[in-house]
Amino acid sequence: MQSEMMTQFLCGWVGGAAGCMASYPLDTVKTLMQHDTRRYPTAAVTLREVYRGGGVAAFYRGCVIPVSMVGVLYALNFFSYNLFLVLIMGPPRGVQERQTAVEETVVALVPEPPRKSALTPIPVVAVCGGLSGVVNSFVQGPGELLKIRQQVASSAGEDHRLLSVARQILVHEGPRGLTRGLLACIVRDLPGTVAWFSTYELVKRGISLTPETPRAAESLLAGGAAGLAPAVLVYPADVVKTLVQSDTRTGAHKQTMRLAARSLYQRGGLAAFYKGVGAQLGRSIVANAITFLGRDMTFQLISAYREKA
């Protein structure tokens, strides 16, 4: 079971890093539109302004943290998801490896129930997905804070280097400043990962004759659908989170979820909560299609290698 969990971690890392690289320009557009609706009113205007400010490279400013960390974040997401599956459903069938003391304890406490099918029930998928989203938020929150501050600093012509941005946060906000927006991240990610994992499994099972080993086109389609579902469902929470994390004020004047939501509503009603949703939908579909493709194909390659070994 130990090597199985490590395989899930590796596959998640490969898929997440690939998805991040493919979709990062759209993420830059989305962040700028959420941060400054007057300067960046539409995706077309944002694309033009960013390109004028630095060419193609400008779309990848602040990508060091995401590309290096998003792979780890997705790896953690898939790892924790599969760990919760083991805790609820028991270890995968056919796993005969020598288990560590911790794994033996887990198996003893949660014995494997009889299964009519190798496919995990969708309600269990939803629960494990939501729990993995909460776990991931504690790592993803600080990472997204740094990324957003880099993107905003770049658009304002300020020093957007990673170390400089991190130093500014620590100097003006203290170590707790790195946790700014954490609650908003959890509010977004808990329902988001429920929809993410559930949609992927539902679509994959609906279009594939072999859902445990989907073909590339099936992974792309199911992954794209999985990216679409949470993007629509939790986008307002993502807008609020961006406003909270892009704000540099401290003390009584700092942005909170409640103040950000009220300001958004006063500025443009419900429509304000969906500003930049087009860029987000495009980014999410591309990122998740590539992520699940990379994850599934890597898993199948490793499985094929093991069978030959």
Foldseek 3Di string as FASTA:
>chain_A
DVVVLVLLLQLLLQLQLQLCVFQQLLVLLLLVCLADCVCNVDSVSSVVLQCVLPHPVSSCFLVPLRNVCRSNLSSLLRSQLVVLCCLAANDQPPDDDDDDPVNVVSCVVHPHDDDPDSDDDLVSQLVSQLVSLLVSLVVVQLSVLLSSQLSVCSSVVHDSDSVVSVVLQCVQPNPCSSCFLSVLSSVLRNNLSSLLRSQLQVQLVVPDPCSVQDDLVSLLVSQLRSLQVSLVVRQLSVSLSSNQSNFDDDDPPHDDSVNSVVVQCVVPRPVSSCRSSVSSSVSSSSSRSSSSSSSSVSSVVVVVVVVVD
